[in-house]
Structures are given as C-alpha cells and as structure tokens.
Amino acid sequence: MESCGQELHEVTCPGGLEPSWFYVKISGQDVVMLGSVHDNMHTVDEYMDMGSFHRVYGYLLKIMERMRD
C-alpha cells in the first residue's frame, strides 16, 4: 500500500510452481511472489510491461533493504 497506493490482493497464477516447491520442503515459511504485468507466456506473443517491471524491481529492493535491518 505504501509504495503503490493500492491494497494488495491474492492472484492465482501458474507461475507459482517453483515457490510452491519451497513451501512444501521448508515448513513454517510464508511464500510471497511478486512479478510484473505480462501475458501470453511461452508463446511467440509473450510480452512484459517494462514500466511494471521497474516498479516491481523497486519494491524488491525495498523489501530486501527491510530484511537486512
């Protein structure tokens, strides 16, 4: 909320395969995924919104900074 001005919400997507593996293997962990706006994955029409990518990258840096403290 503080970074984007919107409440976060859950979205189910097929990109959760790898984090799900860690969730099963390491008990007691919370799993959070974040990613840019993209569509048509694994096709010749695949694309990623670069503005969204840069925002997500900024969020990731802020999260990592907080984890360090």
PDB file of N, CA and C in Angstrom:
ATOM      1  N   MET A   1       0.827  -1.196   0.000  1.00  0.00           N
ATOM      2  CA  MET A   1       0.000   0.000   0.000  1.00  0.00           C
ATOM      3  C   MET A   1       0.869   1.257   0.000  1.00  0.00           C
ATOM      4  N   GLU A   2       1.901   1.272   0.831  1.00  0.00           N
ATOM      5  CA  GLU A   2       2.690   2.495   0.949  1.00  0.00           C
ATOM      6  C   GLU A   2       3.464   2.812  -0.329  1.00  0.00           C
ATOM      7  N   SER A   3       3.796   1.813  -1.131  1.00  0.00           N
ATOM      8  CA  SER A   3       4.581   2.054  -2.341  1.00  0.00           C
ATOM      9  C   SER A   3       3.729   2.334  -3.566  1.00  0.00           C
ATOM     10  N   CYS A   4       2.579   1.646  -3.662  1.00  0.00           N
ATOM     11  CA  CYS A   4       1.801   1.775  -4.894  1.00  0.00           C
ATOM     12  C   CYS A   4       0.452   2.450  -4.685  1.00  0.00           C
ATOM     13  N   GLY A   5       0.053   2.696  -3.429  1.00  0.00           N
ATOM     14  CA  GLY A   5      -1.203   3.373  -3.173  1.00  0.00           C
ATOM     15  C   GLY A   5      -2.424   2.489  -3.328  1.00  0.00           C
ATOM     16  N   GLN A   6      -2.231   1.186  -3.426  1.00  0.00           N
ATOM     17  CA  GLN A   6      -3.339   0.242  -3.579  1.00  0.00           C
ATOM     18  C   GLN A   6      -3.173  -0.904  -2.596  1.00  0.00           C
ATOM     19  N   GLU A   7      -4.292  -1.480  -2.184  1.00  0.00           N
ATOM     20  CA  GLU A   7      -4.234  -2.664  -1.341  1.00  0.00           C
ATOM     21  C   GLU A   7      -3.742  -3.841  -2.172  1.00  0.00           C
ATOM     22  N   LEU A   8      -2.965  -4.721  -1.561  1.00  0.00           N
ATOM     23  CA  LEU A   8      -2.523  -5.930  -2.233  1.00  0.00           C
ATOM     24  C   LEU A   8      -3.669  -6.936  -2.277  1.00  0.00           C
ATOM     25  N   HIS A   9      -3.649  -7.803  -3.255  1.00  0.00           N
ATOM     26  CA  HIS A   9      -4.668  -8.840  -3.345  1.00  0.00           C
ATOM     27  C   HIS A   9      -4.048 -10.119  -3.886  1.00  0.00           C
ATOM     28  N   GLU A  10      -4.679 -11.221  -3.540  1.00  0.00           N
ATOM     29  CA  GLU A  10      -4.184 -12.520  -3.988  1.00  0.00           C
ATOM     30  C   GLU A  10      -4.600 -12.787  -5.424  1.00  0.00           C
ATOM     31  N   VAL A  11      -3.694 -13.343  -6.182  1.00  0.00           N
ATOM     32  CA  VAL A  11      -3.971 -13.748  -7.551  1.00  0.00           C
ATOM     33  C   VAL A  11      -3.348 -15.128  -7.747  1.00  0.00           C
ATOM     34  N   THR A  12      -4.111 -16.042  -8.267  1.00  0.00           N
ATOM     35  CA  THR A  12      -3.590 -17.369  -8.570  1.00  0.00           C
ATOM     36  C   THR A  12      -3.060 -17.372  -9.992  1.00  0.00           C
ATOM     37  N   CYS A  13      -1.850 -17.905 -10.151  1.00  0.00           N
ATOM     38  CA  CYS A  13      -1.260 -17.955 -11.478  1.00  0.00           C
ATOM     39  C   CYS A  13      -0.409 -19.206 -11.603  1.00  0.00           C
ATOM     40  N   PRO A  14      -0.171 -19.666 -12.804  1.00  0.00           N
ATOM     41  CA  PRO A  14       0.638 -20.870 -12.981  1.00  0.00           C
ATOM     42  C   PRO A  14       2.109 -20.658 -12.654  1.00  0.00           C
ATOM     43  N   GLY A  15       2.530 -19.435 -12.420  1.00  0.00           N
ATOM     44  CA  GLY A  15       3.922 -19.158 -12.095  1.00  0.00           C
ATOM     45  C   GLY A  15       4.289 -19.526 -10.664  1.00  0.00           C
ATOM     46  N   GLY A  16       3.380 -20.111  -9.925  1.00  0.00           N
ATOM     47  CA  GLY A  16       3.637 -20.451  -8.534  1.00  0.00           C
ATOM     48  C   GLY A  16       4.268 -21.807  -8.320  1.00  0.00           C
ATOM     49  N   LEU A  17       4.640 -22.480  -9.371  1.00  0.00           N
ATOM     50  CA  LEU A  17       5.174 -23.832  -9.251  1.00  0.00           C
ATOM     51  C   LEU A  17       6.448 -23.878  -8.411  1.00  0.00           C
ATOM     52  N   GLU A  18       7.433 -23.065  -8.726  1.00  0.00           N
ATOM     53  CA  GLU A  18       8.706 -23.112  -8.010  1.00  0.00           C
ATOM     54  C   GLU A  18       8.567 -22.689  -6.547  1.00  0.00           C
ATOM     55  N   PRO A  19       7.903 -21.558  -6.235  1.00  0.00           N
ATOM     56  CA  PRO A  19       7.739 -21.207  -4.822  1.00  0.00           C
ATOM     57  C   PRO A  19       6.949 -22.258  -4.043  1.00  0.00           C
ATOM     58  N   SER A  20       6.029 -22.921  -4.684  1.00  0.00           N
ATOM     59  CA  SER A  20       5.268 -23.973  -4.019  1.00  0.00           C
ATOM     60  C   SER A  20       6.169 -25.112  -3.584  1.00  0.00           C
ATOM     61  N   TRP A  21       7.184 -25.406  -4.364  1.00  0.00           N
ATOM     62  CA  TRP A  21       8.128 -26.464  -4.020  1.00  0.00           C
ATOM     63  C   TRP A  21       8.843 -26.119  -2.714  1.00  0.00           C
ATOM     64  N   PHE A  22       9.307 -24.868  -2.592  1.00  0.00           N
ATOM     65  CA  PHE A  22       9.977 -24.454  -1.359  1.00  0.00           C
ATOM     66  C   PHE A  22       9.014 -24.499  -0.176  1.00  0.00           C
ATOM     67  N   TYR A  23       7.771 -24.095  -0.394  1.00  0.00           N
ATOM     68  CA  TYR A  23       6.766 -24.088   0.670  1.00  0.00           C
ATOM     69  C   TYR A  23       6.559 -25.495   1.232  1.00  0.00           C
ATOM     70  N   VAL A  24       6.527 -26.479   0.372  1.00  0.00           N
ATOM     71  CA  VAL A  24       6.339 -27.866   0.794  1.00  0.00           C
ATOM     72  C   VAL A  24       7.586 -28.386   1.518  1.00  0.00           C
ATOM     73  N   LYS A  25       8.757 -28.012   1.040  1.00  0.00           N
ATOM     74  CA  LYS A  25      10.008 -28.544   1.583  1.00  0.00           C
ATOM     75  C   LYS A  25      10.459 -27.880   2.886  1.00  0.00           C
ATOM     76  N   ILE A  26      10.103 -26.611   3.110  1.00  0.00           N
ATOM     77  CA  ILE A  26      10.564 -25.879   4.287  1.00  0.00           C
ATOM     78  C   ILE A  26       9.332 -25.468   5.096  1.00  0.00           C
ATOM     79  N   SER A  27       9.037 -26.229   6.137  1.00  0.00           N
ATOM     80  CA  SER A  27       7.829 -25.964   6.917  1.00  0.00           C
ATOM     81  C   SER A  27       7.944 -24.644   7.681  1.00  0.00           C
ATOM     82  N   GLY A  28       6.806 -24.027   7.914  1.00  0.00           N
ATOM     83  CA  GLY A  28       6.753 -22.796   8.679  1.00  0.00           C
ATOM     84  C   GLY A  28       7.116 -21.545   7.906  1.00  0.00           C
ATOM     85  N   GLN A  29       7.221 -21.636   6.601  1.00  0.00           N
ATOM     86  CA  GLN A  29       7.594 -20.487   5.779  1.00  0.00           C
ATOM     87  C   GLN A  29       6.368 -19.834   5.167  1.00  0.00           C
ATOM     88  N   ASP A  30       6.411 -18.540   5.019  1.00  0.00           N
ATOM     89  CA  ASP A  30       5.419 -17.823   4.227  1.00  0.00           C
ATOM     90  C   ASP A  30       6.005 -17.655   2.834  1.00  0.00           C
ATOM     91  N   VAL A  31       5.169 -17.774   1.825  1.00  0.00           N
ATOM     92  CA  VAL A  31       5.630 -17.623   0.449  1.00  0.00           C
ATOM     93  C   VAL A  31       4.914 -16.436  -0.173  1.00  0.00           C
ATOM     94  N   VAL A  32       5.691 -15.524  -0.705  1.00  0.00           N
ATOM     95  CA  VAL A  32       5.150 -14.349  -1.376  1.00  0.00           C
ATOM     96  C   VAL A  32       5.803 -14.266  -2.739  1.00  0.00           C
ATOM     97  N   MET A  33       4.998 -14.066  -3.754  1.00  0.00           N
ATOM     98  CA  MET A  33       5.515 -13.893  -5.109  1.00  0.00           C
ATOM     99  C   MET A  33       5.165 -12.492  -5.581  1.00  0.00           C
ATOM    100  N   LEU A  34       6.012 -11.906  -6.352  1.00  0.00           N
ATOM    101  CA  LEU A  34       5.677 -10.657  -7.000  1.00  0.00           C
ATOM    102  C   LEU A  34       6.250 -10.699  -8.398  1.00  0.00           C
ATOM    103  N   GLY A  35       5.570 -10.050  -9.285  1.00  0.00           N
ATOM    104  CA  GLY A  35       6.019 -10.065 -10.665  1.00  0.00           C
ATOM    105  C   GLY A  35       5.387  -8.949 -11.465  1.00  0.00           C
ATOM    106  N   SER A  36       5.951  -8.704 -12.597  1.00  0.00           N
ATOM    107  CA  SER A  36       5.467  -7.638 -13.473  1.00  0.00           C
ATOM    108  C   SER A  36       4.240  -8.098 -14.257  1.00  0.00           C
ATOM    109  N   VAL A  37       3.583  -7.141 -14.867  1.00  0.00           N
ATOM    110  CA  VAL A  37       2.448  -7.431 -15.736  1.00  0.00           C
ATOM    111  C   VAL A  37       2.990  -8.090 -17.000  1.00  0.00           C
ATOM    112  N   HIS A  38       2.446  -9.237 -17.341  1.00  0.00           N
ATOM    113  CA  HIS A  38       2.888  -9.973 -18.529  1.00  0.00           C
ATOM    114  C   HIS A  38       1.730 -10.823 -19.042  1.00  0.00           C
ATOM    115  N   ASP A  39       1.857 -11.301 -20.249  1.00  0.00           N
ATOM    116  CA  ASP A  39       0.778 -12.118 -20.824  1.00  0.00           C
ATOM    117  C   ASP A  39       1.346 -12.969 -21.955  1.00  0.00           C
ATOM    118  N   ASN A  40       0.551 -13.936 -22.346  1.00  0.00           N
ATOM    119  CA  ASN A  40       0.883 -14.841 -23.448  1.00  0.00           C
ATOM    120  C   ASN A  40       2.211 -15.559 -23.231  1.00  0.00           C
ATOM    121  N   MET A  41       2.431 -15.978 -21.979  1.00  0.00           N
ATOM    122  CA  MET A  41       3.692 -16.642 -21.639  1.00  0.00           C
ATOM    123  C   MET A  41       3.900 -17.899 -22.486  1.00  0.00           C
ATOM    124  N   HIS A  42       5.143 -18.127 -22.837  1.00  0.00           N
ATOM    125  CA  HIS A  42       5.579 -19.312 -23.589  1.00  0.00           C
ATOM    126  C   HIS A  42       4.948 -19.400 -24.984  1.00  0.00           C
ATOM    127  N   THR A  43       4.673 -18.244 -25.561  1.00  0.00           N
ATOM    128  CA  THR A  43       4.178 -18.187 -26.935  1.00  0.00           C
ATOM    129  C   THR A  43       5.020 -17.163 -27.695  1.00  0.00           C
ATOM    130  N   VAL A  44       4.819 -17.082 -28.980  1.00  0.00           N
ATOM    131  CA  VAL A  44       5.540 -16.077 -29.780  1.00  0.00           C
ATOM    132  C   VAL A  44       5.017 -14.670 -29.493  1.00  0.00           C
ATOM    133  N   ASP A  45       3.865 -14.555 -28.818  1.00  0.00           N
ATOM    134  CA  ASP A  45       3.279 -13.257 -28.486  1.00  0.00           C
ATOM    135  C   ASP A  45       3.548 -12.844 -27.038  1.00  0.00           C
ATOM    136  N   GLU A  46       4.485 -13.510 -26.375  1.00  0.00           N
ATOM    137  CA  GLU A  46       4.802 -13.209 -24.981  1.00  0.00           C
ATOM    138  C   GLU A  46       5.307 -11.774 -24.854  1.00  0.00           C
ATOM    139  N   TYR A  47       4.870 -11.102 -23.795  1.00  0.00           N
ATOM    140  CA  TYR A  47       5.377  -9.756 -23.543  1.00  0.00           C
ATOM    141  C   TYR A  47       5.386  -9.453 -22.054  1.00  0.00           C
ATOM    142  N   MET A  48       6.183  -8.464 -21.672  1.00  0.00           N
ATOM    143  CA  MET A  48       6.248  -7.986 -20.297  1.00  0.00           C
ATOM    144  C   MET A  48       6.211  -6.470 -20.337  1.00  0.00           C
ATOM    145  N   ASP A  49       5.401  -5.884 -19.494  1.00  0.00           N
ATOM    146  CA  ASP A  49       5.298  -4.435 -19.398  1.00  0.00           C
ATOM    147  C   ASP A  49       6.533  -3.910 -18.657  1.00  0.00           C
ATOM    148  N   MET A  50       7.383  -3.145 -19.324  1.00  0.00           N
ATOM    149  CA  MET A  50       8.642  -2.699 -18.740  1.00  0.00           C
ATOM    150  C   MET A  50       8.438  -1.714 -17.590  1.00  0.00           C
ATOM    151  N   GLY A  51       7.410  -0.879 -17.663  1.00  0.00           N
ATOM    152  CA  GLY A  51       7.127   0.026 -16.543  1.00  0.00           C
ATOM    153  C   GLY A  51       6.784  -0.765 -15.292  1.00  0.00           C
ATOM    154  N   SER A  52       5.990  -1.811 -15.473  1.00  0.00           N
ATOM    155  CA  SER A  52       5.630  -2.688 -14.366  1.00  0.00           C
ATOM    156  C   SER A  52       6.861  -3.393 -13.823  1.00  0.00           C
ATOM    157  N   PHE A  53       7.729  -3.842 -14.702  1.00  0.00           N
ATOM    158  CA  PHE A  53       8.973  -4.498 -14.274  1.00  0.00           C
ATOM    159  C   PHE A  53       9.788  -3.575 -13.372  1.00  0.00           C
ATOM    160  N   HIS A  54       9.955  -2.338 -13.770  1.00  0.00           N
ATOM    161  CA  HIS A  54      10.772  -1.410 -12.988  1.00  0.00           C
ATOM    162  C   HIS A  54      10.133  -1.109 -11.625  1.00  0.00           C
ATOM    163  N   ARG A  55       8.802  -1.027 -11.566  1.00  0.00           N
ATOM    164  CA  ARG A  55       8.132  -0.831 -10.278  1.00  0.00           C
ATOM    165  C   ARG A  55       8.353  -2.031  -9.364  1.00  0.00           C
ATOM    166  N   VAL A  56       8.184  -3.238  -9.903  1.00  0.00           N
ATOM    167  CA  VAL A  56       8.378  -4.451  -9.105  1.00  0.00           C
ATOM    168  C   VAL A  56       9.826  -4.549  -8.629  1.00  0.00           C
ATOM    169  N   TYR A  57      10.767  -4.219  -9.468  1.00  0.00           N
ATOM    170  CA  TYR A  57      12.176  -4.241  -9.084  1.00  0.00           C
ATOM    171  C   TYR A  57      12.424  -3.272  -7.919  1.00  0.00           C
ATOM    172  N   GLY A  58      11.814  -2.101  -7.989  1.00  0.00           N
ATOM    173  CA  GLY A  58      11.940  -1.135  -6.892  1.00  0.00           C
ATOM    174  C   GLY A  58      11.360  -1.686  -5.595  1.00  0.00           C
ATOM    175  N   TYR A  59      10.193  -2.352  -5.678  1.00  0.00           N
ATOM    176  CA  TYR A  59       9.592  -2.966  -4.487  1.00  0.00           C
ATOM    177  C   TYR A  59      10.529  -4.021  -3.913  1.00  0.00           C
ATOM    178  N   LEU A  60      11.106  -4.826  -4.776  1.00  0.00           N
ATOM    179  CA  LEU A  60      12.003  -5.881  -4.319  1.00  0.00           C
ATOM    180  C   LEU A  60      13.206  -5.301  -3.578  1.00  0.00           C
ATOM    181  N   LEU A  61      13.771  -4.229  -4.098  1.00  0.00           N
ATOM    182  CA  LEU A  61      14.896  -3.593  -3.415  1.00  0.00           C
ATOM    183  C   LEU A  61      14.489  -3.092  -2.036  1.00  0.00           C
ATOM    184  N   LYS A  62      13.301  -2.507  -1.919  1.00  0.00           N
ATOM    185  CA  LYS A  62      12.823  -2.020  -0.620  1.00  0.00           C
ATOM    186  C   LYS A  62      12.611  -3.177   0.352  1.00  0.00           C
ATOM    187  N   ILE A  63      12.044  -4.267  -0.128  1.00  0.00           N
ATOM    188  CA  ILE A  63      11.829  -5.432   0.727  1.00  0.00           C
ATOM    189  C   ILE A  63      13.149  -5.978   1.220  1.00  0.00           C
ATOM    190  N   MET A  64      14.109  -6.106   0.332  1.00  0.00           N
ATOM    191  CA  MET A  64      15.416  -6.642   0.715  1.00  0.00           C
ATOM    192  C   MET A  64      16.121  -5.724   1.706  1.00  0.00           C
ATOM    193  N   GLU A  65      15.975  -4.433   1.541  1.00  0.00           N
ATOM    194  CA  GLU A  65      16.564  -3.477   2.476  1.00  0.00           C
ATOM    195  C   GLU A  65      15.963  -3.657   3.866  1.00  0.00           C
ATOM    196  N   ARG A  66      14.658  -3.828   3.945  1.00  0.00           N
ATOM    197  CA  ARG A  66      13.995  -4.038   5.243  1.00  0.00           C
ATOM    198  C   ARG A  66      14.413  -5.350   5.874  1.00  0.00           C
ATOM    199  N   MET A  67      14.633  -6.359   5.075  1.00  0.00           N
ATOM    200  CA  MET A  67      15.048  -7.659   5.604  1.00  0.00           C
ATOM    201  C   MET A  67      16.461  -7.577   6.192  1.00  0.00           C
ATOM    202  N   ARG A  68      17.270  -6.718   5.644  1.00  0.00           N
ATOM    203  CA  ARG A  68      18.652  -6.566   6.107  1.00  0.00           C
ATOM    204  C   ARG A  68      18.704  -5.926   7.497  1.00  0.00           C
ATOM    205  N   ASP A  69      17.775  -5.028   7.748  1.00  0.00           N
ATOM    206  CA  ASP A  69      17.775  -4.294   9.033  1.00  0.00           C
ATOM    207  C   ASP A  69      17.419  -5.177  10.160  1.00  0.00           C
TER     208      ASP A  69
END
